[in-house]
Amino acid sequence: MVEEKKEDSLILDKKTMDVLVANIIPASKYFEVRFDHMQDQLDGLKSDLKNLGDNVDKRFDSIKEDIDKRFEKVNKRFEQMITAINRLGDKLEHRDEKQRAFTLRMFTIAISISIIGVLGVFLRPIGVF
């Protein structure tokens, strides 16, 4: 049985080894070069993806800044409108106060004339007038 194992085993001499090495090494060099090239391409893709991500981040930041500036302008415009409305409200209140004072004066004058007329009617029969 030991003899059978010896017969099945492969005997490699120096010439066979040289032939194997001569045929395998050039092919392995080819694959090495191809793998190196593929690794360079993958590294380039990683770099491009990182740059793309950075560019997208920069764009979003610039859009955010633009939107913030626009909202600031809109807020300022609303503040101006609120100020104008408040000034208009103050003018209307002042006009209303003047109108109320005028109405009260006219009402007072009308009541005074009416009272004088009523007094005249009461005092005529008495003979004062």
N, C-alpha and C. Protein backbone atom coordinates (compact mmCIF):
# COMPACT_ATOMS: atom_id res chain seq x y z
N MET A 1 0.81 -1.18 0.00
CA MET A 1 0.00 0.00 0.00
C MET A 1 0.86 1.26 0.00
N VAL A 2 1.95 1.23 0.65
CA VAL A 2 2.88 2.34 0.67
C VAL A 2 3.45 2.54 -0.72
N GLU A 3 3.66 1.49 -1.40
CA GLU A 3 4.20 1.57 -2.75
C GLU A 3 3.20 2.23 -3.70
N GLU A 4 1.92 1.97 -3.50
CA GLU A 4 0.90 2.56 -4.37
C GLU A 4 0.85 4.08 -4.21
N LYS A 5 1.05 4.57 -3.02
CA LYS A 5 1.04 6.01 -2.79
C LYS A 5 2.20 6.67 -3.50
N LYS A 6 3.31 6.01 -3.53
CA LYS A 6 4.47 6.58 -4.20
C LYS A 6 4.23 6.69 -5.69
N GLU A 7 3.54 5.76 -6.24
CA GLU A 7 3.27 5.78 -7.67
C GLU A 7 2.29 6.90 -8.02
N ASP A 8 1.35 7.19 -7.12
CA ASP A 8 0.35 8.22 -7.40
C ASP A 8 0.90 9.64 -7.21
N SER A 9 1.92 9.79 -6.46
CA SER A 9 2.44 11.14 -6.20
C SER A 9 3.15 11.67 -7.43
N LEU A 10 3.12 13.00 -7.58
CA LEU A 10 3.71 13.66 -8.73
C LEU A 10 5.17 13.95 -8.44
N ILE A 11 6.00 13.61 -9.37
CA ILE A 11 7.42 13.85 -9.20
C ILE A 11 7.77 15.07 -10.03
N LEU A 12 8.29 16.09 -9.35
CA LEU A 12 8.67 17.33 -10.02
C LEU A 12 10.18 17.44 -10.01
N ASP A 13 10.73 17.46 -11.15
CA ASP A 13 12.17 17.66 -11.22
C ASP A 13 12.44 19.11 -11.58
N LYS A 14 13.68 19.49 -11.70
CA LYS A 14 14.06 20.88 -11.95
C LYS A 14 13.54 21.36 -13.29
N LYS A 15 13.59 20.54 -14.29
CA LYS A 15 13.15 20.92 -15.61
C LYS A 15 11.64 21.20 -15.62
N THR A 16 10.87 20.35 -14.95
CA THR A 16 9.43 20.54 -14.87
C THR A 16 9.11 21.83 -14.12
N MET A 17 9.83 22.07 -13.06
CA MET A 17 9.62 23.30 -12.28
C MET A 17 9.94 24.53 -13.12
N ASP A 18 11.02 24.48 -13.89
CA ASP A 18 11.39 25.61 -14.74
C ASP A 18 10.31 25.89 -15.78
N VAL A 19 9.77 24.83 -16.36
CA VAL A 19 8.72 24.99 -17.36
C VAL A 19 7.47 25.61 -16.72
N LEU A 20 7.09 25.11 -15.55
CA LEU A 20 5.91 25.65 -14.86
C LEU A 20 6.11 27.12 -14.50
N VAL A 21 7.27 27.42 -13.96
CA VAL A 21 7.55 28.81 -13.57
C VAL A 21 7.58 29.69 -14.80
N ALA A 22 8.19 29.24 -15.87
CA ALA A 22 8.28 30.04 -17.09
C ALA A 22 6.90 30.29 -17.69
N ASN A 23 6.00 29.36 -17.57
CA ASN A 23 4.65 29.53 -18.13
C ASN A 23 3.70 30.28 -17.19
N ILE A 24 3.88 30.16 -15.90
CA ILE A 24 2.96 30.78 -14.94
C ILE A 24 3.34 32.22 -14.65
N ILE A 25 4.61 32.51 -14.50
CA ILE A 25 5.03 33.86 -14.10
C ILE A 25 4.60 34.93 -15.11
N PRO A 26 4.77 34.74 -16.40
CA PRO A 26 4.30 35.80 -17.32
C PRO A 26 2.79 36.04 -17.19
N ALA A 27 2.02 34.98 -17.02
CA ALA A 27 0.58 35.15 -16.87
C ALA A 27 0.26 35.87 -15.56
N SER A 28 0.97 35.55 -14.51
CA SER A 28 0.73 36.21 -13.23
C SER A 28 1.12 37.68 -13.31
N LYS A 29 2.17 38.01 -14.06
CA LYS A 29 2.55 39.41 -14.25
C LYS A 29 1.43 40.16 -14.97
N TYR A 30 0.85 39.52 -15.96
CA TYR A 30 -0.25 40.15 -16.69
C TYR A 30 -1.40 40.46 -15.74
N PHE A 31 -1.76 39.47 -14.92
CA PHE A 31 -2.86 39.69 -13.98
C PHE A 31 -2.50 40.73 -12.93
N GLU A 32 -1.25 40.75 -12.53
CA GLU A 32 -0.81 41.76 -11.56
C GLU A 32 -0.97 43.16 -12.14
N VAL A 33 -0.54 43.33 -13.39
CA VAL A 33 -0.67 44.63 -14.05
C VAL A 33 -2.14 45.00 -14.19
N ARG A 34 -2.97 44.04 -14.58
CA ARG A 34 -4.41 44.31 -14.73
C ARG A 34 -5.04 44.69 -13.39
N PHE A 35 -4.67 43.97 -12.33
CA PHE A 35 -5.22 44.28 -11.00
C PHE A 35 -4.75 45.66 -10.54
N ASP A 36 -3.47 45.99 -10.80
CA ASP A 36 -2.98 47.32 -10.44
C ASP A 36 -3.75 48.40 -11.20
N HIS A 37 -3.98 48.16 -12.49
CA HIS A 37 -4.74 49.12 -13.30
C HIS A 37 -6.17 49.27 -12.76
N MET A 38 -6.78 48.14 -12.42
CA MET A 38 -8.13 48.18 -11.88
C MET A 38 -8.15 48.90 -10.53
N GLN A 39 -7.13 48.69 -9.71
CA GLN A 39 -7.05 49.37 -8.42
C GLN A 39 -6.91 50.87 -8.61
N ASP A 40 -6.10 51.28 -9.60
CA ASP A 40 -5.97 52.71 -9.90
C ASP A 40 -7.31 53.30 -10.34
N GLN A 41 -8.04 52.55 -11.16
CA GLN A 41 -9.35 53.03 -11.59
C GLN A 41 -10.30 53.15 -10.41
N LEU A 42 -10.28 52.17 -9.52
CA LEU A 42 -11.15 52.23 -8.33
C LEU A 42 -10.77 53.40 -7.44
N ASP A 43 -9.46 53.63 -7.27
CA ASP A 43 -9.03 54.78 -6.47
C ASP A 43 -9.50 56.09 -7.11
N GLY A 44 -9.42 56.17 -8.44
CA GLY A 44 -9.91 57.35 -9.14
C GLY A 44 -11.40 57.55 -8.94
N LEU A 45 -12.15 56.45 -9.00
CA LEU A 45 -13.60 56.54 -8.77
C LEU A 45 -13.90 57.01 -7.35
N LYS A 46 -13.16 56.48 -6.38
CA LYS A 46 -13.37 56.92 -4.99
C LYS A 46 -13.11 58.41 -4.86
N SER A 47 -12.02 58.86 -5.48
CA SER A 47 -11.68 60.28 -5.42
C SER A 47 -12.77 61.12 -6.11
N ASP A 48 -13.23 60.65 -7.27
CA ASP A 48 -14.28 61.38 -7.98
C ASP A 48 -15.57 61.43 -7.17
N LEU A 49 -15.92 60.32 -6.53
CA LEU A 49 -17.13 60.30 -5.71
C LEU A 49 -17.01 61.25 -4.53
N LYS A 50 -15.82 61.28 -3.92
CA LYS A 50 -15.61 62.20 -2.80
C LYS A 50 -15.74 63.64 -3.27
N ASN A 51 -15.12 63.94 -4.42
CA ASN A 51 -15.22 65.30 -4.97
C ASN A 51 -16.66 65.65 -5.32
N LEU A 52 -17.38 64.68 -5.87
CA LEU A 52 -18.78 64.91 -6.20
C LEU A 52 -19.59 65.20 -4.94
N GLY A 53 -19.34 64.43 -3.90
CA GLY A 53 -20.03 64.67 -2.62
C GLY A 53 -19.71 66.05 -2.07
N ASP A 54 -18.44 66.44 -2.15
CA ASP A 54 -18.05 67.77 -1.68
C ASP A 54 -18.74 68.86 -2.50
N ASN A 55 -18.79 68.67 -3.82
CA ASN A 55 -19.45 69.66 -4.68
C ASN A 55 -20.93 69.77 -4.37
N VAL A 56 -21.57 68.64 -4.15
CA VAL A 56 -23.00 68.66 -3.81
C VAL A 56 -23.21 69.36 -2.48
N ASP A 57 -22.34 69.07 -1.50
CA ASP A 57 -22.44 69.75 -0.20
C ASP A 57 -22.28 71.26 -0.36
N LYS A 58 -21.31 71.67 -1.19
CA LYS A 58 -21.10 73.11 -1.41
C LYS A 58 -22.32 73.75 -2.06
N ARG A 59 -22.90 73.03 -3.02
CA ARG A 59 -24.10 73.58 -3.68
C ARG A 59 -25.24 73.73 -2.69
N PHE A 60 -25.45 72.72 -1.86
CA PHE A 60 -26.53 72.82 -0.87
C PHE A 60 -26.26 73.96 0.10
N ASP A 61 -25.00 74.12 0.51
CA ASP A 61 -24.67 75.23 1.41
C ASP A 61 -24.95 76.57 0.75
N SER A 62 -24.55 76.71 -0.53
CA SER A 62 -24.78 77.98 -1.21
C SER A 62 -26.28 78.23 -1.41
N ILE A 63 -27.03 77.18 -1.71
CA ILE A 63 -28.48 77.34 -1.85
C ILE A 63 -29.09 77.74 -0.52
N LYS A 64 -28.61 77.13 0.55
CA LYS A 64 -29.13 77.47 1.88
C LYS A 64 -28.83 78.93 2.20
N GLU A 65 -27.61 79.38 1.88
CA GLU A 65 -27.26 80.78 2.13
C GLU A 65 -28.14 81.72 1.30
N ASP A 66 -28.36 81.36 0.03
CA ASP A 66 -29.21 82.19 -0.83
C ASP A 66 -30.63 82.26 -0.28
N ILE A 67 -31.14 81.13 0.17
CA ILE A 67 -32.50 81.11 0.73
C ILE A 67 -32.55 81.94 2.00
N ASP A 68 -31.52 81.82 2.85
CA ASP A 68 -31.48 82.63 4.08
C ASP A 68 -31.48 84.12 3.74
N LYS A 69 -30.67 84.52 2.74
CA LYS A 69 -30.63 85.93 2.35
C LYS A 69 -31.99 86.39 1.84
N ARG A 70 -32.63 85.55 1.05
CA ARG A 70 -33.95 85.92 0.51
C ARG A 70 -34.97 86.07 1.63
N PHE A 71 -34.94 85.15 2.60
CA PHE A 71 -35.88 85.26 3.72
C PHE A 71 -35.59 86.50 4.55
N GLU A 72 -34.31 86.86 4.69
CA GLU A 72 -33.99 88.09 5.41
C GLU A 72 -34.58 89.31 4.69
N LYS A 73 -34.47 89.32 3.36
CA LYS A 73 -35.05 90.43 2.59
C LYS A 73 -36.57 90.47 2.76
N VAL A 74 -37.19 89.30 2.70
CA VAL A 74 -38.64 89.24 2.86
C VAL A 74 -39.04 89.70 4.26
N ASN A 75 -38.27 89.28 5.28
CA ASN A 75 -38.55 89.71 6.66
C ASN A 75 -38.43 91.22 6.79
N LYS A 76 -37.39 91.80 6.17
CA LYS A 76 -37.23 93.25 6.22
C LYS A 76 -38.42 93.95 5.55
N ARG A 77 -38.85 93.40 4.44
CA ARG A 77 -40.00 94.00 3.74
C ARG A 77 -41.25 93.92 4.60
N PHE A 78 -41.47 92.78 5.24
CA PHE A 78 -42.62 92.66 6.14
C PHE A 78 -42.53 93.64 7.29
N GLU A 79 -41.32 93.82 7.84
CA GLU A 79 -41.15 94.78 8.93
C GLU A 79 -41.48 96.20 8.44
N GLN A 80 -41.06 96.53 7.21
CA GLN A 80 -41.39 97.84 6.66
C GLN A 80 -42.90 98.00 6.49
N MET A 81 -43.55 96.94 6.02
CA MET A 81 -45.00 97.00 5.86
C MET A 81 -45.70 97.15 7.20
N ILE A 82 -45.23 96.44 8.21
CA ILE A 82 -45.82 96.54 9.55
C ILE A 82 -45.64 97.96 10.09
N THR A 83 -44.45 98.53 9.89
CA THR A 83 -44.20 99.90 10.34
C THR A 83 -45.13 100.88 9.62
N ALA A 84 -45.30 100.70 8.32
CA ALA A 84 -46.19 101.58 7.56
C ALA A 84 -47.63 101.43 8.04
N ILE A 85 -48.06 100.22 8.30
CA ILE A 85 -49.43 99.99 8.80
C ILE A 85 -49.60 100.62 10.17
N ASN A 86 -48.59 100.50 11.03
CA ASN A 86 -48.68 101.11 12.36
C ASN A 86 -48.77 102.64 12.25
N ARG A 87 -47.98 103.23 11.35
CA ARG A 87 -48.05 104.68 11.16
C ARG A 87 -49.43 105.10 10.65
N LEU A 88 -49.96 104.33 9.72
CA LEU A 88 -51.29 104.63 9.20
C LEU A 88 -52.33 104.49 10.30
N GLY A 89 -52.18 103.46 11.13
CA GLY A 89 -53.10 103.29 12.27
C GLY A 89 -53.03 104.46 13.22
N ASP A 90 -51.81 104.95 13.49
CA ASP A 90 -51.66 106.12 14.37
C ASP A 90 -52.34 107.35 13.76
N LYS A 91 -52.17 107.55 12.44
CA LYS A 91 -52.82 108.69 11.78
C LYS A 91 -54.33 108.58 11.88
N LEU A 92 -54.85 107.37 11.66
CA LEU A 92 -56.30 107.18 11.75
C LEU A 92 -56.81 107.42 13.16
N GLU A 93 -56.07 106.97 14.15
CA GLU A 93 -56.48 107.19 15.54
C GLU A 93 -56.49 108.68 15.86
N HIS A 94 -55.46 109.40 15.40
CA HIS A 94 -55.40 110.85 15.64
C HIS A 94 -56.59 111.54 14.95
N ARG A 95 -56.89 111.14 13.72
CA ARG A 95 -58.03 111.72 13.01
C ARG A 95 -59.35 111.39 13.71
N ASP A 96 -59.47 110.16 14.21
CA ASP A 96 -60.69 109.79 14.94
C ASP A 96 -60.85 110.62 16.20
N GLU A 97 -59.73 110.86 16.91
CA GLU A 97 -59.80 111.69 18.12
C GLU A 97 -60.25 113.11 17.77
N LYS A 98 -59.71 113.67 16.70
CA LYS A 98 -60.12 115.01 16.27
C LYS A 98 -61.60 115.01 15.87
N GLN A 99 -62.02 113.97 15.18
CA GLN A 99 -63.42 113.88 14.74
C GLN A 99 -64.35 113.74 15.94
N ARG A 100 -63.96 112.96 16.94
CA ARG A 100 -64.78 112.82 18.15
C ARG A 100 -64.89 114.16 18.87
N ALA A 101 -63.77 114.86 18.99
CA ALA A 101 -63.79 116.17 19.65
C ALA A 101 -64.71 117.13 18.89
N PHE A 102 -64.61 117.13 17.58
CA PHE A 102 -65.48 117.99 16.78
C PHE A 102 -66.95 117.61 16.94
N THR A 103 -67.22 116.30 16.92
CA THR A 103 -68.60 115.84 17.09
C THR A 103 -69.13 116.23 18.46
N LEU A 104 -68.32 116.11 19.51
CA LEU A 104 -68.76 116.50 20.85
C LEU A 104 -69.03 118.00 20.91
N ARG A 105 -68.20 118.83 20.29
CA ARG A 105 -68.43 120.27 20.27
C ARG A 105 -69.74 120.61 19.56
N MET A 106 -69.94 119.97 18.41
CA MET A 106 -71.18 120.22 17.67
C MET A 106 -72.40 119.76 18.47
N PHE A 107 -72.27 118.60 19.12
CA PHE A 107 -73.37 118.10 19.94
C PHE A 107 -73.64 119.05 21.10
N THR A 108 -72.57 119.55 21.73
CA THR A 108 -72.72 120.50 22.84
C THR A 108 -73.40 121.78 22.37
N ILE A 109 -72.99 122.27 21.21
CA ILE A 109 -73.61 123.49 20.66
C ILE A 109 -75.09 123.23 20.36
N ALA A 110 -75.38 122.08 19.76
CA ALA A 110 -76.77 121.76 19.42
C ALA A 110 -77.62 121.63 20.67
N ILE A 111 -77.10 120.97 21.70
CA ILE A 111 -77.83 120.84 22.96
C ILE A 111 -78.02 122.22 23.59
N SER A 112 -76.99 123.06 23.56
CA SER A 112 -77.09 124.40 24.14
C SER A 112 -78.18 125.21 23.43
N ILE A 113 -78.20 125.17 22.11
CA ILE A 113 -79.23 125.89 21.35
C ILE A 113 -80.61 125.34 21.68
N SER A 114 -80.70 124.02 21.79
CA SER A 114 -82.00 123.40 22.13
C SER A 114 -82.45 123.83 23.52
N ILE A 115 -81.52 123.85 24.47
CA ILE A 115 -81.87 124.26 25.84
C ILE A 115 -82.31 125.72 25.85
N ILE A 116 -81.60 126.57 25.11
CA ILE A 116 -81.98 127.98 25.05
C ILE A 116 -83.38 128.12 24.43
N GLY A 117 -83.65 127.33 23.40
CA GLY A 117 -84.98 127.36 22.77
C GLY A 117 -86.07 126.91 23.73
N VAL A 118 -85.81 125.85 24.47
CA VAL A 118 -86.79 125.34 25.44
C VAL A 118 -86.98 126.37 26.55
N LEU A 119 -85.91 127.00 27.03
CA LEU A 119 -86.03 128.04 28.06
C LEU A 119 -86.87 129.22 27.53
N GLY A 120 -86.63 129.56 26.27
CA GLY A 120 -87.41 130.65 25.68
C GLY A 120 -88.89 130.31 25.64
N VAL A 121 -89.19 129.05 25.29
CA VAL A 121 -90.59 128.63 25.24
C VAL A 121 -91.19 128.67 26.64
N PHE A 122 -90.45 128.24 27.67
CA PHE A 122 -90.97 128.25 29.04
C PHE A 122 -91.04 129.67 29.60
N LEU A 123 -90.08 130.50 29.26
CA LEU A 123 -90.06 131.85 29.83
C LEU A 123 -91.02 132.81 29.11
N ARG A 124 -91.46 132.57 27.92
CA ARG A 124 -92.40 133.43 27.21
C ARG A 124 -93.75 133.49 27.94
N PRO A 125 -94.32 132.37 28.34
CA PRO A 125 -95.61 132.50 29.04
C PRO A 125 -95.45 133.22 30.37
N ILE A 126 -94.31 133.13 30.96
CA ILE A 126 -94.11 133.80 32.24
C ILE A 126 -93.96 135.30 31.99
N GLY A 127 -93.55 135.69 30.83
CA GLY A 127 -93.43 137.09 30.48
C GLY A 127 -92.03 137.64 30.61
N VAL A 128 -91.07 136.81 30.71
CA VAL A 128 -89.69 137.28 30.80
C VAL A 128 -89.27 137.84 29.44
N PHE A 129 -89.75 137.28 28.38
CA PHE A 129 -89.40 137.78 27.05
C PHE A 129 -90.59 138.41 26.43
